[in-house]
Amino acid sequence: MEWFASKGAAIYFPVGHSPHCDFIAEFGDRLARVQVKSCTAYRFDRWQVTICTRGGNQSWSGLVKHFDSASCDYLFVVVGDGRRWCIPSHAIAGGRGVALGGPKYAEFEVEPGRPLPSPHGDEPASTIGFANARGDVRVAKGARL
């Protein structure tokens, strides 16, 4: 959200349950539906971002909802070390996950933000050392978490 606002977008939130987008960014006369994902899984020199949904915090029925590029306009991803990507949904090649940090989605990387907190304490959730770890996942999804 903060990144879109810094680019001049007005931010709107869907009312009620919205399985397809987390917020809507308005750029003048253009609206963009944005799905936000955060990731702290760093393996094989890439951030392994899960973009499918497996039931969230409800009891899981075993059904996996794959990412559908028609359901949003952008996928915005924040990873453990603070790097961020704003990827047009039509550029997403898979329905379960994407690996970020390599050349495939490099053109969609935007300015870095604050590192995500580690699930294991005060250290940033990154395999790359960060001297000034501050912030948390709410940088992407706001206080709605």
C-alpha atoms as a PDB file:
ATOM      1  CA  MET A   1       0.000   0.000   0.000  1.00  0.00           C
ATOM      2  CA  GLU A   2       2.676   2.454   1.014  1.00  0.00           C
ATOM      3  CA  TRP A   3       4.474   1.980  -2.304  1.00  0.00           C
ATOM      4  CA  PHE A   4       1.298   2.623  -4.331  1.00  0.00           C
ATOM      5  CA  ALA A   5       0.498   5.714  -2.249  1.00  0.00           C
ATOM      6  CA  SER A   6       4.032   7.006  -2.822  1.00  0.00           C
ATOM      7  CA  LYS A   7       3.306   6.780  -6.558  1.00  0.00           C
ATOM      8  CA  GLY A   8       0.228   8.984  -6.155  1.00  0.00           C
ATOM      9  CA  ALA A   9      -2.479   6.325  -5.880  1.00  0.00           C
ATOM     10  CA  ALA A  10      -5.548   6.654  -3.696  1.00  0.00           C
ATOM     11  CA  ILE A  11      -6.093   3.395  -1.792  1.00  0.00           C
ATOM     12  CA  TYR A  12      -9.467   1.697  -1.275  1.00  0.00           C
ATOM     13  CA  PHE A  13     -10.344  -1.486   0.601  1.00  0.00           C
ATOM     14  CA  PRO A  14     -13.046  -3.940  -0.407  1.00  0.00           C
ATOM     15  CA  VAL A  15     -15.902  -4.224   2.091  1.00  0.00           C
ATOM     16  CA  GLY A  16     -16.417  -7.705   3.468  1.00  0.00           C
ATOM     17  CA  HIS A  17     -14.636 -10.823   2.243  1.00  0.00           C
ATOM     18  CA  SER A  18     -12.565 -10.235  -0.896  1.00  0.00           C
ATOM     19  CA  PRO A  19     -10.837 -13.393  -2.087  1.00  0.00           C
ATOM     20  CA  HIS A  20      -9.318 -11.791  -5.174  1.00  0.00           C
ATOM     21  CA  CYS A  21      -7.694  -8.535  -4.092  1.00  0.00           C
ATOM     22  CA  ASP A  22      -6.413  -6.956  -0.907  1.00  0.00           C
ATOM     23  CA  PHE A  23      -6.889  -3.357  -1.989  1.00  0.00           C
ATOM     24  CA  ILE A  24      -7.663  -1.174  -4.982  1.00  0.00           C
ATOM     25  CA  ALA A  25      -5.299   1.565  -6.128  1.00  0.00           C
ATOM     26  CA  GLU A  26      -6.753   4.493  -8.059  1.00  0.00           C
ATOM     27  CA  PHE A  27      -4.439   6.334 -10.439  1.00  0.00           C
ATOM     28  CA  GLY A  28      -6.564   9.182 -11.793  1.00  0.00           C
ATOM     29  CA  ASP A  29      -9.129   7.487 -14.014  1.00  0.00           C
ATOM     30  CA  ARG A  30      -7.579   3.995 -13.745  1.00  0.00           C
ATOM     31  CA  LEU A  31      -8.298   1.419 -11.033  1.00  0.00           C
ATOM     32  CA  ALA A  32      -5.931  -1.443 -10.225  1.00  0.00           C
ATOM     33  CA  ARG A  33      -6.901  -4.475  -8.132  1.00  0.00           C
ATOM     34  CA  VAL A  34      -3.889  -5.566  -6.060  1.00  0.00           C
ATOM     35  CA  GLN A  35      -3.223  -8.941  -4.427  1.00  0.00           C
ATOM     36  CA  VAL A  36      -0.480  -8.750  -1.761  1.00  0.00           C
ATOM     37  CA  LYS A  37       1.801 -11.594  -0.690  1.00  0.00           C
ATOM     38  CA  SER A  38       4.644 -11.646   1.804  1.00  0.00           C
ATOM     39  CA  CYS A  39       7.388 -14.230   1.942  1.00  0.00           C
ATOM     40  CA  THR A  40      10.213 -15.222   4.255  1.00  0.00           C
ATOM     41  CA  ALA A  41      11.126 -18.490   2.492  1.00  0.00           C
ATOM     42  CA  TYR A  42      14.548 -18.128   0.860  1.00  0.00           C
ATOM     43  CA  ARG A  43      15.826 -21.281  -0.853  1.00  0.00           C
ATOM     44  CA  PHE A  44      18.087 -21.963  -3.827  1.00  0.00           C
ATOM     45  CA  ASP A  45      19.067 -18.256  -4.023  1.00  0.00           C
ATOM     46  CA  ARG A  46      15.440 -17.207  -4.622  1.00  0.00           C
ATOM     47  CA  TRP A  47      12.457 -16.059  -2.577  1.00  0.00           C
ATOM     48  CA  GLN A  48       9.897 -18.887  -2.883  1.00  0.00           C
ATOM     49  CA  VAL A  49       6.545 -17.064  -2.867  1.00  0.00           C
ATOM     50  CA  THR A  50       3.336 -19.078  -2.574  1.00  0.00           C
ATOM     51  CA  ILE A  51       0.575 -17.416  -4.591  1.00  0.00           C
ATOM     52  CA  CYS A  52      -2.102 -20.103  -4.315  1.00  0.00           C
ATOM     53  CA  THR A  53      -4.523 -20.225  -1.399  1.00  0.00           C
ATOM     54  CA  ARG A  54      -4.953 -23.287   0.758  1.00  0.00           C
ATOM     55  CA  GLY A  55      -7.870 -22.211   2.924  1.00  0.00           C
ATOM     56  CA  GLY A  56      -6.254 -19.491   5.034  1.00  0.00           C
ATOM     57  CA  ASN A  57      -7.127 -19.723   8.718  1.00  0.00           C
ATOM     58  CA  GLN A  58     -10.250 -21.809   8.061  1.00  0.00           C
ATOM     59  CA  SER A  59     -10.222 -25.568   8.303  1.00  0.00           C
ATOM     60  CA  TRP A  60      -8.706 -26.796   5.096  1.00  0.00           C
ATOM     61  CA  SER A  61     -10.936 -28.866   2.809  1.00  0.00           C
ATOM     62  CA  GLY A  62      -8.006 -30.013   0.678  1.00  0.00           C
ATOM     63  CA  LEU A  63      -8.860 -27.706  -2.207  1.00  0.00           C
ATOM     64  CA  VAL A  64      -6.154 -25.398  -3.510  1.00  0.00           C
ATOM     65  CA  LYS A  65      -7.198 -22.172  -5.224  1.00  0.00           C
ATOM     66  CA  HIS A  66      -4.536 -21.370  -7.799  1.00  0.00           C
ATOM     67  CA  PHE A  67      -3.605 -17.809  -8.674  1.00  0.00           C
ATOM     68  CA  ASP A  68      -5.845 -16.529 -11.473  1.00  0.00           C
ATOM     69  CA  SER A  69      -4.390 -13.600 -13.414  1.00  0.00           C
ATOM     70  CA  ALA A  70      -7.915 -12.440 -14.311  1.00  0.00           C
ATOM     71  CA  SER A  71      -8.846 -11.914 -10.642  1.00  0.00           C
ATOM     72  CA  CYS A  72      -6.452  -9.003 -10.028  1.00  0.00           C
ATOM     73  CA  ASP A  73      -4.328  -6.550 -11.987  1.00  0.00           C
ATOM     74  CA  TYR A  74      -1.103  -6.690  -9.945  1.00  0.00           C
ATOM     75  CA  LEU A  75       0.631  -9.054  -7.580  1.00  0.00           C
ATOM     76  CA  PHE A  76       2.621  -7.045  -5.037  1.00  0.00           C
ATOM     77  CA  VAL A  77       5.197  -9.061  -3.091  1.00  0.00           C
ATOM     78  CA  VAL A  78       7.281  -8.096  -0.053  1.00  0.00           C
ATOM     79  CA  VAL A  79      10.043 -10.486   0.999  1.00  0.00           C
ATOM     80  CA  GLY A  80      12.075 -10.924   4.167  1.00  0.00           C
ATOM     81  CA  ASP A  81      14.906  -8.539   3.365  1.00  0.00           C
ATOM     82  CA  GLY A  82      12.512  -5.763   2.300  1.00  0.00           C
ATOM     83  CA  ARG A  83      12.777  -6.234  -1.466  1.00  0.00           C
ATOM     84  CA  ARG A  84       9.492  -5.653  -3.291  1.00  0.00           C
ATOM     85  CA  TRP A  85       7.986  -6.513  -6.664  1.00  0.00           C
ATOM     86  CA  CYS A  86       4.921  -5.109  -8.414  1.00  0.00           C
ATOM     87  CA  ILE A  87       4.155  -7.702 -11.073  1.00  0.00           C
ATOM     88  CA  PRO A  88       1.335  -7.304 -13.616  1.00  0.00           C
ATOM     89  CA  SER A  89      -0.868 -10.346 -13.146  1.00  0.00           C
ATOM     90  CA  HIS A  90      -0.649 -11.292 -16.827  1.00  0.00           C
ATOM     91  CA  ALA A  91       3.131 -11.749 -16.379  1.00  0.00           C
ATOM     92  CA  ILE A  92       2.734 -14.438 -13.690  1.00  0.00           C
ATOM     93  CA  ALA A  93       3.770 -17.768 -15.195  1.00  0.00           C
ATOM     94  CA  GLY A  94       2.441 -20.137 -12.532  1.00  0.00           C
ATOM     95  CA  GLY A  95      -0.620 -20.685 -10.409  1.00  0.00           C
ATOM     96  CA  ARG A  96       1.012 -22.039  -7.232  1.00  0.00           C
ATOM     97  CA  GLY A  97       4.118 -19.959  -6.702  1.00  0.00           C
ATOM     98  CA  VAL A  98       6.844 -17.751  -8.099  1.00  0.00           C
ATOM     99  CA  ALA A  99      10.565 -17.605  -7.388  1.00  0.00           C
ATOM    100  CA  LEU A 100      11.757 -14.011  -7.025  1.00  0.00           C
ATOM    101  CA  GLY A 101      15.266 -12.609  -6.938  1.00  0.00           C
ATOM    102  CA  GLY A 102      16.452 -13.918 -10.289  1.00  0.00           C
ATOM    103  CA  PRO A 103      16.184 -12.539 -13.822  1.00  0.00           C
ATOM    104  CA  LYS A 104      12.632 -13.701 -14.678  1.00  0.00           C
ATOM    105  CA  TYR A 105      10.757 -11.003 -12.729  1.00  0.00           C
ATOM    106  CA  ALA A 106      13.659  -8.553 -12.295  1.00  0.00           C
ATOM    107  CA  GLU A 107      12.023  -5.854 -14.434  1.00  0.00           C
ATOM    108  CA  PHE A 108       9.147  -5.672 -11.923  1.00  0.00           C
ATOM    109  CA  GLU A 109      11.293  -5.127  -8.819  1.00  0.00           C
ATOM    110  CA  VAL A 110      10.591  -1.751  -7.203  1.00  0.00           C
ATOM    111  CA  GLU A 111      12.280   0.237  -4.442  1.00  0.00           C
ATOM    112  CA  PRO A 112      12.968  -1.827  -1.318  1.00  0.00           C
ATOM    113  CA  GLY A 113      10.998  -1.294   1.862  1.00  0.00           C
ATOM    114  CA  ARG A 114      11.553  -2.333   5.440  1.00  0.00           C
ATOM    115  CA  PRO A 115      12.598  -5.927   6.168  1.00  0.00           C
ATOM    116  CA  LEU A 116       9.923  -8.257   7.498  1.00  0.00           C
ATOM    117  CA  PRO A 117      10.339  -9.425  11.095  1.00  0.00           C
ATOM    118  CA  SER A 118      11.683 -12.880  11.622  1.00  0.00           C
ATOM    119  CA  PRO A 119       9.313 -15.514  12.946  1.00  0.00           C
ATOM    120  CA  HIS A 120      12.211 -16.468  15.271  1.00  0.00           C
ATOM    121  CA  GLY A 121      12.770 -13.248  17.201  1.00  0.00           C
ATOM    122  CA  ASP A 122      14.186  -9.800  16.571  1.00  0.00           C
ATOM    123  CA  GLU A 123      16.340 -10.661  13.567  1.00  0.00           C
ATOM    124  CA  PRO A 124      15.056  -9.769  10.086  1.00  0.00           C
ATOM    125  CA  ALA A 125      13.491 -12.653   8.166  1.00  0.00           C
ATOM    126  CA  SER A 126      16.284 -12.770   5.660  1.00  0.00           C
ATOM    127  CA  THR A 127      19.313 -14.830   4.849  1.00  0.00           C
ATOM    128  CA  ILE A 128      20.985 -11.568   3.891  1.00  0.00           C
ATOM    129  CA  GLY A 129      22.306  -9.572   6.841  1.00  0.00           C
ATOM    130  CA  PHE A 130      20.486  -6.301   7.452  1.00  0.00           C
ATOM    131  CA  ALA A 131      21.913  -3.828   9.910  1.00  0.00           C
ATOM    132  CA  ASN A 132      18.715  -1.888  10.597  1.00  0.00           C
ATOM    133  CA  ALA A 133      15.788  -4.333  10.867  1.00  0.00           C
ATOM    134  CA  ARG A 134      12.596  -2.385  11.415  1.00  0.00           C
ATOM    135  CA  GLY A 135       8.993  -2.794  10.316  1.00  0.00           C
ATOM    136  CA  ASP A 136       6.786  -5.762   9.758  1.00  0.00           C
ATOM    137  CA  VAL A 137       4.370  -7.412   7.332  1.00  0.00           C
ATOM    138  CA  ARG A 138       1.838  -4.640   7.965  1.00  0.00           C
ATOM    139  CA  VAL A 139       3.958  -2.523   5.624  1.00  0.00           C
ATOM    140  CA  ALA A 140       2.235  -4.453   2.817  1.00  0.00           C
ATOM    141  CA  LYS A 141      -1.223  -5.239   4.127  1.00  0.00           C
ATOM    142  CA  GLY A 142      -1.651  -2.540   6.768  1.00  0.00           C
ATOM    143  CA  ALA A 143      -3.242  -3.136  10.138  1.00  0.00           C
ATOM    144  CA  ARG A 144      -5.775  -5.566   8.635  1.00  0.00           C
ATOM    145  CA  LEU A 145      -3.635  -8.545   9.673  1.00  0.00           C
END
